mmCIF file of all heavy atoms, coordinates in Angstrom:
data_MODEL
# 
_entry.id   MODEL 
# 
loop_
_atom_site.group_PDB 
_atom_site.id 
_atom_site.type_symbol 
_atom_site.label_atom_id 
_atom_site.label_alt_id 
_atom_site.label_comp_id 
_atom_site.label_asym_id 
_atom_site.label_entity_id 
_atom_site.label_seq_id 
_atom_site.pdbx_PDB_ins_code 
_atom_site.Cartn_x 
_atom_site.Cartn_y 
_atom_site.Cartn_z 
_atom_site.occupancy 
_atom_site.B_iso_or_equiv 
_atom_site.pdbx_formal_charge 
_atom_site.auth_seq_id 
_atom_site.auth_comp_id 
_atom_site.auth_asym_id 
_atom_site.auth_atom_id 
_atom_site.pdbx_PDB_model_num 
ATOM 1   N N   . ARG A 1 1  ? -101.580 -110.515 59.327 1.00 0.00 ? 1  ARG A N   1 
ATOM 2   C CA  . ARG A 1 1  ? -101.062 -111.117 60.549 1.00 0.00 ? 1  ARG A CA  1 
ATOM 3   C C   . ARG A 1 1  ? -100.137 -112.349 60.170 1.00 0.00 ? 1  ARG A C   1 
ATOM 4   O O   . ARG A 1 1  ? -99.221  -112.590 60.874 1.00 0.00 ? 1  ARG A O   1 
ATOM 5   C CB  . ARG A 1 1  ? -102.217 -111.694 61.339 1.00 0.00 ? 1  ARG A CB  1 
ATOM 6   C CG  . ARG A 1 1  ? -103.152 -110.598 61.935 1.00 0.00 ? 1  ARG A CG  1 
ATOM 7   C CD  . ARG A 1 1  ? -104.173 -111.225 62.920 1.00 0.00 ? 1  ARG A CD  1 
ATOM 8   N NE  . ARG A 1 1  ? -105.072 -110.295 63.273 1.00 0.00 ? 1  ARG A NE  1 
ATOM 9   C CZ  . ARG A 1 1  ? -106.347 -110.118 62.743 1.00 0.00 ? 1  ARG A CZ  1 
ATOM 10  N NH1 . ARG A 1 1  ? -106.689 -110.962 61.804 1.00 0.00 ? 1  ARG A NH1 1 
ATOM 11  N NH2 . ARG A 1 1  ? -107.200 -109.240 63.145 1.00 0.00 ? 1  ARG A NH2 1 
ATOM 12  N N   . ASN A 1 2  ? -100.532 -113.014 59.092 1.00 0.00 ? 2  ASN A N   1 
ATOM 13  C CA  . ASN A 1 2  ? -99.766  -114.153 58.722 1.00 0.00 ? 2  ASN A CA  1 
ATOM 14  C C   . ASN A 1 2  ? -98.499  -113.743 57.888 1.00 0.00 ? 2  ASN A C   1 
ATOM 15  O O   . ASN A 1 2  ? -97.714  -114.667 57.443 1.00 0.00 ? 2  ASN A O   1 
ATOM 16  C CB  . ASN A 1 2  ? -100.579 -115.082 57.856 1.00 0.00 ? 2  ASN A CB  1 
ATOM 17  C CG  . ASN A 1 2  ? -101.688 -115.689 58.667 1.00 0.00 ? 2  ASN A CG  1 
ATOM 18  O OD1 . ASN A 1 2  ? -101.719 -115.688 59.897 1.00 0.00 ? 2  ASN A OD1 1 
ATOM 19  N ND2 . ASN A 1 2  ? -102.775 -116.132 57.975 1.00 0.00 ? 2  ASN A ND2 1 
ATOM 20  N N   . ASN A 1 3  ? -98.313  -112.477 57.539 1.00 0.00 ? 3  ASN A N   1 
ATOM 21  C CA  . ASN A 1 3  ? -97.267  -111.989 56.786 1.00 0.00 ? 3  ASN A CA  1 
ATOM 22  C C   . ASN A 1 3  ? -97.260  -112.706 55.332 1.00 0.00 ? 3  ASN A C   1 
ATOM 23  O O   . ASN A 1 3  ? -96.191  -113.083 54.778 1.00 0.00 ? 3  ASN A O   1 
ATOM 24  C CB  . ASN A 1 3  ? -95.886  -112.146 57.441 1.00 0.00 ? 3  ASN A CB  1 
ATOM 25  C CG  . ASN A 1 3  ? -94.746  -111.330 56.786 1.00 0.00 ? 3  ASN A CG  1 
ATOM 26  O OD1 . ASN A 1 3  ? -95.144  -110.286 56.147 1.00 0.00 ? 3  ASN A OD1 1 
ATOM 27  N ND2 . ASN A 1 3  ? -93.520  -111.729 56.963 1.00 0.00 ? 3  ASN A ND2 1 
ATOM 28  N N   . ARG A 1 4  ? -98.443  -112.797 54.781 1.00 0.00 ? 4  ARG A N   1 
ATOM 29  C CA  . ARG A 1 4  ? -98.634  -113.355 53.462 1.00 0.00 ? 4  ARG A CA  1 
ATOM 30  C C   . ARG A 1 4  ? -99.276  -112.401 52.536 1.00 0.00 ? 4  ARG A C   1 
ATOM 31  O O   . ARG A 1 4  ? -100.343 -112.624 51.976 1.00 0.00 ? 4  ARG A O   1 
ATOM 32  C CB  . ARG A 1 4  ? -99.433  -114.669 53.559 1.00 0.00 ? 4  ARG A CB  1 
ATOM 33  C CG  . ARG A 1 4  ? -98.729  -115.801 54.347 1.00 0.00 ? 4  ARG A CG  1 
ATOM 34  C CD  . ARG A 1 4  ? -99.573  -117.102 54.378 1.00 0.00 ? 4  ARG A CD  1 
ATOM 35  N NE  . ARG A 1 4  ? -99.700  -117.677 52.988 1.00 0.00 ? 4  ARG A NE  1 
ATOM 36  C CZ  . ARG A 1 4  ? -98.846  -118.507 52.473 1.00 0.00 ? 4  ARG A CZ  1 
ATOM 37  N NH1 . ARG A 1 4  ? -97.771  -118.904 53.095 1.00 0.00 ? 4  ARG A NH1 1 
ATOM 38  N NH2 . ARG A 1 4  ? -99.151  -118.973 51.265 1.00 0.00 ? 4  ARG A NH2 1 
ATOM 39  N N   . VAL A 1 5  ? -98.640  -111.292 52.433 1.00 0.00 ? 5  VAL A N   1 
ATOM 40  C CA  . VAL A 1 5  ? -99.246  -110.173 51.544 1.00 0.00 ? 5  VAL A CA  1 
ATOM 41  C C   . VAL A 1 5  ? -98.770  -110.385 50.110 1.00 0.00 ? 5  VAL A C   1 
ATOM 42  O O   . VAL A 1 5  ? -97.645  -110.604 49.915 1.00 0.00 ? 5  VAL A O   1 
ATOM 43  C CB  . VAL A 1 5  ? -98.796  -108.826 52.052 1.00 0.00 ? 5  VAL A CB  1 
ATOM 44  C CG1 . VAL A 1 5  ? -99.343  -107.691 51.188 1.00 0.00 ? 5  VAL A CG1 1 
ATOM 45  C CG2 . VAL A 1 5  ? -99.238  -108.593 53.549 1.00 0.00 ? 5  VAL A CG2 1 
ATOM 46  N N   . ASN A 1 6  ? -99.735  -110.293 49.200 1.00 0.00 ? 6  ASN A N   1 
ATOM 47  C CA  . ASN A 1 6  ? -99.439  -110.431 47.817 1.00 0.00 ? 6  ASN A CA  1 
ATOM 48  C C   . ASN A 1 6  ? -98.790  -109.215 47.255 1.00 0.00 ? 6  ASN A C   1 
ATOM 49  O O   . ASN A 1 6  ? -98.926  -108.076 47.815 1.00 0.00 ? 6  ASN A O   1 
ATOM 50  C CB  . ASN A 1 6  ? -100.685 -110.863 47.045 1.00 0.00 ? 6  ASN A CB  1 
ATOM 51  C CG  . ASN A 1 6  ? -100.410 -111.430 45.656 1.00 0.00 ? 6  ASN A CG  1 
ATOM 52  O OD1 . ASN A 1 6  ? -99.462  -112.197 45.495 1.00 0.00 ? 6  ASN A OD1 1 
ATOM 53  N ND2 . ASN A 1 6  ? -101.159 -110.999 44.697 1.00 0.00 ? 6  ASN A ND2 1 
ATOM 54  N N   . HIS A 1 7  ? -98.212  -109.275 46.029 1.00 0.00 ? 7  HIS A N   1 
ATOM 55  C CA  . HIS A 1 7  ? -97.607  -108.119 45.468 1.00 0.00 ? 7  HIS A CA  1 
ATOM 56  C C   . HIS A 1 7  ? -98.635  -107.329 44.603 1.00 0.00 ? 7  HIS A C   1 
ATOM 57  O O   . HIS A 1 7  ? -98.302  -106.188 44.234 1.00 0.00 ? 7  HIS A O   1 
ATOM 58  C CB  . HIS A 1 7  ? -96.453  -108.588 44.456 1.00 0.00 ? 7  HIS A CB  1 
ATOM 59  C CG  . HIS A 1 7  ? -96.953  -109.409 43.342 1.00 0.00 ? 7  HIS A CG  1 
ATOM 60  N ND1 . HIS A 1 7  ? -97.200  -110.747 43.411 1.00 0.00 ? 7  HIS A ND1 1 
ATOM 61  C CD2 . HIS A 1 7  ? -97.219  -109.077 42.113 1.00 0.00 ? 7  HIS A CD2 1 
ATOM 62  C CE1 . HIS A 1 7  ? -97.648  -111.279 42.286 1.00 0.00 ? 7  HIS A CE1 1 
ATOM 63  N NE2 . HIS A 1 7  ? -97.633  -110.128 41.437 1.00 0.00 ? 7  HIS A NE2 1 
ATOM 64  N N   . ALA A 1 8  ? -99.809  -107.833 44.327 1.00 0.00 ? 8  ALA A N   1 
ATOM 65  C CA  . ALA A 1 8  ? -100.800 -107.173 43.507 1.00 0.00 ? 8  ALA A CA  1 
ATOM 66  C C   . ALA A 1 8  ? -102.196 -107.500 43.995 1.00 0.00 ? 8  ALA A C   1 
ATOM 67  O O   . ALA A 1 8  ? -102.492 -108.710 44.213 1.00 0.00 ? 8  ALA A O   1 
ATOM 68  C CB  . ALA A 1 8  ? -100.649 -107.378 42.047 1.00 0.00 ? 8  ALA A CB  1 
ATOM 69  N N   . TYR A 1 9  ? -103.115 -106.488 44.082 1.00 0.00 ? 9  TYR A N   1 
ATOM 70  C CA  . TYR A 1 9  ? -104.501 -106.720 44.494 1.00 0.00 ? 9  TYR A CA  1 
ATOM 71  C C   . TYR A 1 9  ? -105.352 -106.125 43.425 1.00 0.00 ? 9  TYR A C   1 
ATOM 72  O O   . TYR A 1 9  ? -105.052 -105.135 42.848 1.00 0.00 ? 9  TYR A O   1 
ATOM 73  C CB  . TYR A 1 9  ? -104.696 -106.174 45.876 1.00 0.00 ? 9  TYR A CB  1 
ATOM 74  C CG  . TYR A 1 9  ? -104.022 -106.948 46.987 1.00 0.00 ? 9  TYR A CG  1 
ATOM 75  C CD1 . TYR A 1 9  ? -102.774 -106.626 47.461 1.00 0.00 ? 9  TYR A CD1 1 
ATOM 76  C CD2 . TYR A 1 9  ? -104.742 -107.998 47.618 1.00 0.00 ? 9  TYR A CD2 1 
ATOM 77  C CE1 . TYR A 1 9  ? -102.090 -107.298 48.410 1.00 0.00 ? 9  TYR A CE1 1 
ATOM 78  C CE2 . TYR A 1 9  ? -104.111 -108.688 48.637 1.00 0.00 ? 9  TYR A CE2 1 
ATOM 79  C CZ  . TYR A 1 9  ? -102.761 -108.341 49.031 1.00 0.00 ? 9  TYR A CZ  1 
ATOM 80  O OH  . TYR A 1 9  ? -102.199 -109.052 50.046 1.00 0.00 ? 9  TYR A OH  1 
ATOM 81  N N   . LEU A 1 10 ? -106.574 -106.671 43.340 1.00 0.00 ? 10 LEU A N   1 
ATOM 82  C CA  . LEU A 1 10 ? -107.593 -106.129 42.478 1.00 0.00 ? 10 LEU A CA  1 
ATOM 83  C C   . LEU A 1 10 ? -108.912 -105.919 43.399 1.00 0.00 ? 10 LEU A C   1 
ATOM 84  O O   . LEU A 1 10 ? -109.445 -106.956 43.790 1.00 0.00 ? 10 LEU A O   1 
ATOM 85  C CB  . LEU A 1 10 ? -107.915 -107.054 41.318 1.00 0.00 ? 10 LEU A CB  1 
ATOM 86  C CG  . LEU A 1 10 ? -109.077 -106.513 40.414 1.00 0.00 ? 10 LEU A CG  1 
ATOM 87  C CD1 . LEU A 1 10 ? -108.806 -105.107 39.873 1.00 0.00 ? 10 LEU A CD1 1 
ATOM 88  C CD2 . LEU A 1 10 ? -109.366 -107.609 39.240 1.00 0.00 ? 10 LEU A CD2 1 
ATOM 89  N N   . PHE A 1 11 ? -109.275 -104.621 43.605 1.00 0.00 ? 11 PHE A N   1 
ATOM 90  C CA  . PHE A 1 11 ? -110.531 -104.416 44.453 1.00 0.00 ? 11 PHE A CA  1 
ATOM 91  C C   . PHE A 1 11 ? -111.558 -103.963 43.463 1.00 0.00 ? 11 PHE A C   1 
ATOM 92  O O   . PHE A 1 11 ? -111.385 -102.995 42.674 1.00 0.00 ? 11 PHE A O   1 
ATOM 93  C CB  . PHE A 1 11 ? -110.262 -103.253 45.470 1.00 0.00 ? 11 PHE A CB  1 
ATOM 94  C CG  . PHE A 1 11 ? -109.335 -103.579 46.560 1.00 0.00 ? 11 PHE A CG  1 
ATOM 95  C CD1 . PHE A 1 11 ? -108.777 -102.650 47.326 1.00 0.00 ? 11 PHE A CD1 1 
ATOM 96  C CD2 . PHE A 1 11 ? -108.941 -104.938 46.766 1.00 0.00 ? 11 PHE A CD2 1 
ATOM 97  C CE1 . PHE A 1 11 ? -107.901 -102.921 48.405 1.00 0.00 ? 11 PHE A CE1 1 
ATOM 98  C CE2 . PHE A 1 11 ? -108.079 -105.268 47.792 1.00 0.00 ? 11 PHE A CE2 1 
ATOM 99  C CZ  . PHE A 1 11 ? -107.575 -104.293 48.635 1.00 0.00 ? 11 PHE A CZ  1 
ATOM 100 N N   . SER A 1 12 ? -112.700 -104.676 43.465 1.00 0.00 ? 12 SER A N   1 
ATOM 101 C CA  . SER A 1 12 ? -113.653 -104.350 42.503 1.00 0.00 ? 12 SER A CA  1 
ATOM 102 C C   . SER A 1 12 ? -115.023 -104.233 43.274 1.00 0.00 ? 12 SER A C   1 
ATOM 103 O O   . SER A 1 12 ? -115.201 -104.752 44.333 1.00 0.00 ? 12 SER A O   1 
ATOM 104 C CB  . SER A 1 12 ? -113.958 -105.503 41.417 1.00 0.00 ? 12 SER A CB  1 
ATOM 105 O OG  . SER A 1 12 ? -114.307 -106.723 41.933 1.00 0.00 ? 12 SER A OG  1 
ATOM 106 N N   . GLY A 1 13 ? -116.027 -103.575 42.663 1.00 0.00 ? 13 GLY A N   1 
ATOM 107 C CA  . GLY A 1 13 ? -117.342 -103.431 43.196 1.00 0.00 ? 13 GLY A CA  1 
ATOM 108 C C   . GLY A 1 13 ? -117.982 -102.098 42.832 1.00 0.00 ? 13 GLY A C   1 
ATOM 109 O O   . GLY A 1 13 ? -117.383 -101.269 42.165 1.00 0.00 ? 13 GLY A O   1 
ATOM 110 N N   . PRO A 1 14 ? -119.266 -101.931 43.269 1.00 0.00 ? 14 PRO A N   1 
ATOM 111 C CA  . PRO A 1 14 ? -119.987 -100.638 42.840 1.00 0.00 ? 14 PRO A CA  1 
ATOM 112 C C   . PRO A 1 14 ? -119.230 -99.423  43.467 1.00 0.00 ? 14 PRO A C   1 
ATOM 113 O O   . PRO A 1 14 ? -118.429 -99.464  44.395 1.00 0.00 ? 14 PRO A O   1 
ATOM 114 C CB  . PRO A 1 14 ? -121.338 -100.828 43.555 1.00 0.00 ? 14 PRO A CB  1 
ATOM 115 C CG  . PRO A 1 14 ? -121.435 -102.286 43.825 1.00 0.00 ? 14 PRO A CG  1 
ATOM 116 C CD  . PRO A 1 14 ? -120.030 -102.844 44.085 1.00 0.00 ? 14 PRO A CD  1 
ATOM 117 N N   . ARG A 1 15 ? -119.621 -98.302  42.987 1.00 0.00 ? 15 ARG A N   1 
ATOM 118 C CA  . ARG A 1 15 ? -119.016 -96.950  43.375 1.00 0.00 ? 15 ARG A CA  1 
ATOM 119 C C   . ARG A 1 15 ? -119.432 -96.758  44.877 1.00 0.00 ? 15 ARG A C   1 
ATOM 120 O O   . ARG A 1 15 ? -120.443 -97.052  45.340 1.00 0.00 ? 15 ARG A O   1 
ATOM 121 C CB  . ARG A 1 15 ? -119.401 -95.863  42.498 1.00 0.00 ? 15 ARG A CB  1 
ATOM 122 C CG  . ARG A 1 15 ? -120.907 -95.482  42.673 1.00 0.00 ? 15 ARG A CG  1 
ATOM 123 C CD  . ARG A 1 15 ? -121.235 -94.266  41.853 1.00 0.00 ? 15 ARG A CD  1 
ATOM 124 N NE  . ARG A 1 15 ? -122.520 -93.658  42.129 1.00 0.00 ? 15 ARG A NE  1 
ATOM 125 C CZ  . ARG A 1 15 ? -123.671 -94.143  41.639 1.00 0.00 ? 15 ARG A CZ  1 
ATOM 126 N NH1 . ARG A 1 15 ? -123.634 -95.162  40.694 1.00 0.00 ? 15 ARG A NH1 1 
ATOM 127 N NH2 . ARG A 1 15 ? -124.792 -93.656  41.960 1.00 0.00 ? 15 ARG A NH2 1 
ATOM 128 N N   . GLY A 1 16 ? -118.507 -96.042  45.555 1.00 0.00 ? 16 GLY A N   1 
ATOM 129 C CA  . GLY A 1 16 ? -118.755 -95.603  46.862 1.00 0.00 ? 16 GLY A CA  1 
ATOM 130 C C   . GLY A 1 16 ? -118.800 -96.621  47.992 1.00 0.00 ? 16 GLY A C   1 
ATOM 131 O O   . GLY A 1 16 ? -119.421 -96.424  49.052 1.00 0.00 ? 16 GLY A O   1 
ATOM 132 N N   . CYS A 1 17 ? -118.195 -97.835  47.722 1.00 0.00 ? 17 CYS A N   1 
ATOM 133 C CA  . CYS A 1 17 ? -118.322 -98.895  48.669 1.00 0.00 ? 17 CYS A CA  1 
ATOM 134 C C   . CYS A 1 17 ? -117.045 -99.090  49.492 1.00 0.00 ? 17 CYS A C   1 
ATOM 135 O O   . CYS A 1 17 ? -116.864 -100.059 50.226 1.00 0.00 ? 17 CYS A O   1 
ATOM 136 C CB  . CYS A 1 17 ? -118.704 -100.140 47.984 1.00 0.00 ? 17 CYS A CB  1 
ATOM 137 S SG  . CYS A 1 17 ? -120.435 -100.142 47.392 1.00 0.00 ? 17 CYS A SG  1 
ATOM 138 N N   . GLY A 1 18 ? -115.961 -98.336  49.132 1.00 0.00 ? 18 GLY A N   1 
ATOM 139 C CA  . GLY A 1 18 ? -114.761 -98.413  50.011 1.00 0.00 ? 18 GLY A CA  1 
ATOM 140 C C   . GLY A 1 18 ? -113.564 -99.016  49.321 1.00 0.00 ? 18 GLY A C   1 
ATOM 141 O O   . GLY A 1 18 ? -112.632 -99.331  49.989 1.00 0.00 ? 18 GLY A O   1 
ATOM 142 N N   . LYS A 1 19 ? -113.472 -99.075  48.036 1.00 0.00 ? 19 LYS A N   1 
ATOM 143 C CA  . LYS A 1 19 ? -112.417 -99.723  47.361 1.00 0.00 ? 19 LYS A CA  1 
ATOM 144 C C   . LYS A 1 19 ? -111.059 -98.886  47.500 1.00 0.00 ? 19 LYS A C   1 
ATOM 145 O O   . LYS A 1 19 ? -110.092 -99.381  47.896 1.00 0.00 ? 19 LYS A O   1 
ATOM 146 C CB  . LYS A 1 19 ? -112.683 -99.915  45.882 1.00 0.00 ? 19 LYS A CB  1 
ATOM 147 C CG  . LYS A 1 19 ? -113.956 -100.769 45.582 1.00 0.00 ? 19 LYS A CG  1 
ATOM 148 C CD  . LYS A 1 19 ? -114.137 -100.993 44.097 1.00 0.00 ? 19 LYS A CD  1 
ATOM 149 C CE  . LYS A 1 19 ? -114.469 -99.682  43.329 1.00 0.00 ? 19 LYS A CE  1 
ATOM 150 N NZ  . LYS A 1 19 ? -115.727 -99.038  43.790 1.00 0.00 ? 19 LYS A NZ  1 
ATOM 151 N N   . THR A 1 20 ? -111.154 -97.585  47.143 1.00 0.00 ? 20 THR A N   1 
ATOM 152 C CA  . THR A 1 20 ? -110.024 -96.718  47.228 1.00 0.00 ? 20 THR A CA  1 
ATOM 153 C C   . THR A 1 20 ? -109.626 -96.490  48.774 1.00 0.00 ? 20 THR A C   1 
ATOM 154 O O   . THR A 1 20 ? -108.434 -96.475  49.064 1.00 0.00 ? 20 THR A O   1 
ATOM 155 C CB  . THR A 1 20 ? -110.245 -95.400  46.495 1.00 0.00 ? 20 THR A CB  1 
ATOM 156 O OG1 . THR A 1 20 ? -110.695 -95.659  45.114 1.00 0.00 ? 20 THR A OG1 1 
ATOM 157 C CG2 . THR A 1 20 ? -108.980 -94.628  46.444 1.00 0.00 ? 20 THR A CG2 1 
ATOM 158 N N   . THR A 1 21 ? -110.631 -96.326  49.527 1.00 0.00 ? 21 THR A N   1 
ATOM 159 C CA  . THR A 1 21 ? -110.389 -96.223  50.890 1.00 0.00 ? 21 THR A CA  1 
ATOM 160 C C   . THR A 1 21 ? -109.699 -97.391  51.542 1.00 0.00 ? 21 THR A C   1 
ATOM 161 O O   . THR A 1 21 ? -108.671 -97.314  52.339 1.00 0.00 ? 21 THR A O   1 
ATOM 162 C CB  . THR A 1 21 ? -111.680 -95.927  51.711 1.00 0.00 ? 21 THR A CB  1 
ATOM 163 O OG1 . THR A 1 21 ? -112.351 -94.702  51.203 1.00 0.00 ? 21 THR A OG1 1 
ATOM 164 C CG2 . THR A 1 21 ? -111.452 -95.890  53.242 1.00 0.00 ? 21 THR A CG2 1 
ATOM 165 N N   . SER A 1 22 ? -110.109 -98.633  51.210 1.00 0.00 ? 22 SER A N   1 
ATOM 166 C CA  . SER A 1 22 ? -109.430 -99.870  51.680 1.00 0.00 ? 22 SER A CA  1 
ATOM 167 C C   . SER A 1 22 ? -107.979 -99.934  51.118 1.00 0.00 ? 22 SER A C   1 
ATOM 168 O O   . SER A 1 22 ? -107.084 -100.455 51.747 1.00 0.00 ? 22 SER A O   1 
ATOM 169 C CB  . SER A 1 22 ? -110.280 -101.072 51.262 1.00 0.00 ? 22 SER A CB  1 
ATOM 170 O OG  . SER A 1 22 ? -111.498 -101.015 51.888 1.00 0.00 ? 22 SER A OG  1 
ATOM 171 N N   . ALA A 1 23 ? -107.778 -99.539  49.843 1.00 0.00 ? 23 ALA A N   1 
ATOM 172 C CA  . ALA A 1 23 ? -106.408 -99.495  49.305 1.00 0.00 ? 23 ALA A CA  1 
ATOM 173 C C   . ALA A 1 23 ? -105.521 -98.599  50.129 1.00 0.00 ? 23 ALA A C   1 
ATOM 174 O O   . ALA A 1 23 ? -104.356 -98.951  50.349 1.00 0.00 ? 23 ALA A O   1 
ATOM 175 C CB  . ALA A 1 23 ? -106.518 -99.054  47.810 1.00 0.00 ? 23 ALA A CB  1 
ATOM 176 N N   . ARG A 1 24 ? -106.029 -97.438  50.546 1.00 0.00 ? 24 ARG A N   1 
ATOM 177 C CA  . ARG A 1 24 ? -105.197 -96.510  51.285 1.00 0.00 ? 24 ARG A CA  1 
ATOM 178 C C   . ARG A 1 24 ? -104.980 -97.141  52.762 1.00 0.00 ? 24 ARG A C   1 
ATOM 179 O O   . ARG A 1 24 ? -103.829 -96.980  53.226 1.00 0.00 ? 24 ARG A O   1 
ATOM 180 C CB  . ARG A 1 24 ? -105.913 -95.186  51.466 1.00 0.00 ? 24 ARG A CB  1 
ATOM 181 C CG  . ARG A 1 24 ? -106.074 -94.380  50.216 1.00 0.00 ? 24 ARG A CG  1 
ATOM 182 C CD  . ARG A 1 24 ? -106.819 -93.098  50.445 1.00 0.00 ? 24 ARG A CD  1 
ATOM 183 N NE  . ARG A 1 24 ? -106.940 -92.316  49.159 1.00 0.00 ? 24 ARG A NE  1 
ATOM 184 C CZ  . ARG A 1 24 ? -107.664 -91.278  49.028 1.00 0.00 ? 24 ARG A CZ  1 
ATOM 185 N NH1 . ARG A 1 24 ? -108.282 -90.764  50.117 1.00 0.00 ? 24 ARG A NH1 1 
ATOM 186 N NH2 . ARG A 1 24 ? -107.731 -90.606  47.860 1.00 0.00 ? 24 ARG A NH2 1 
# 
């Protein structure tokens, strides 16, 4: 909303919790 999107993100956490889904 604030148009402050970074150029790189790191999503970490246990398997099956939505990391790749959230990336998509």
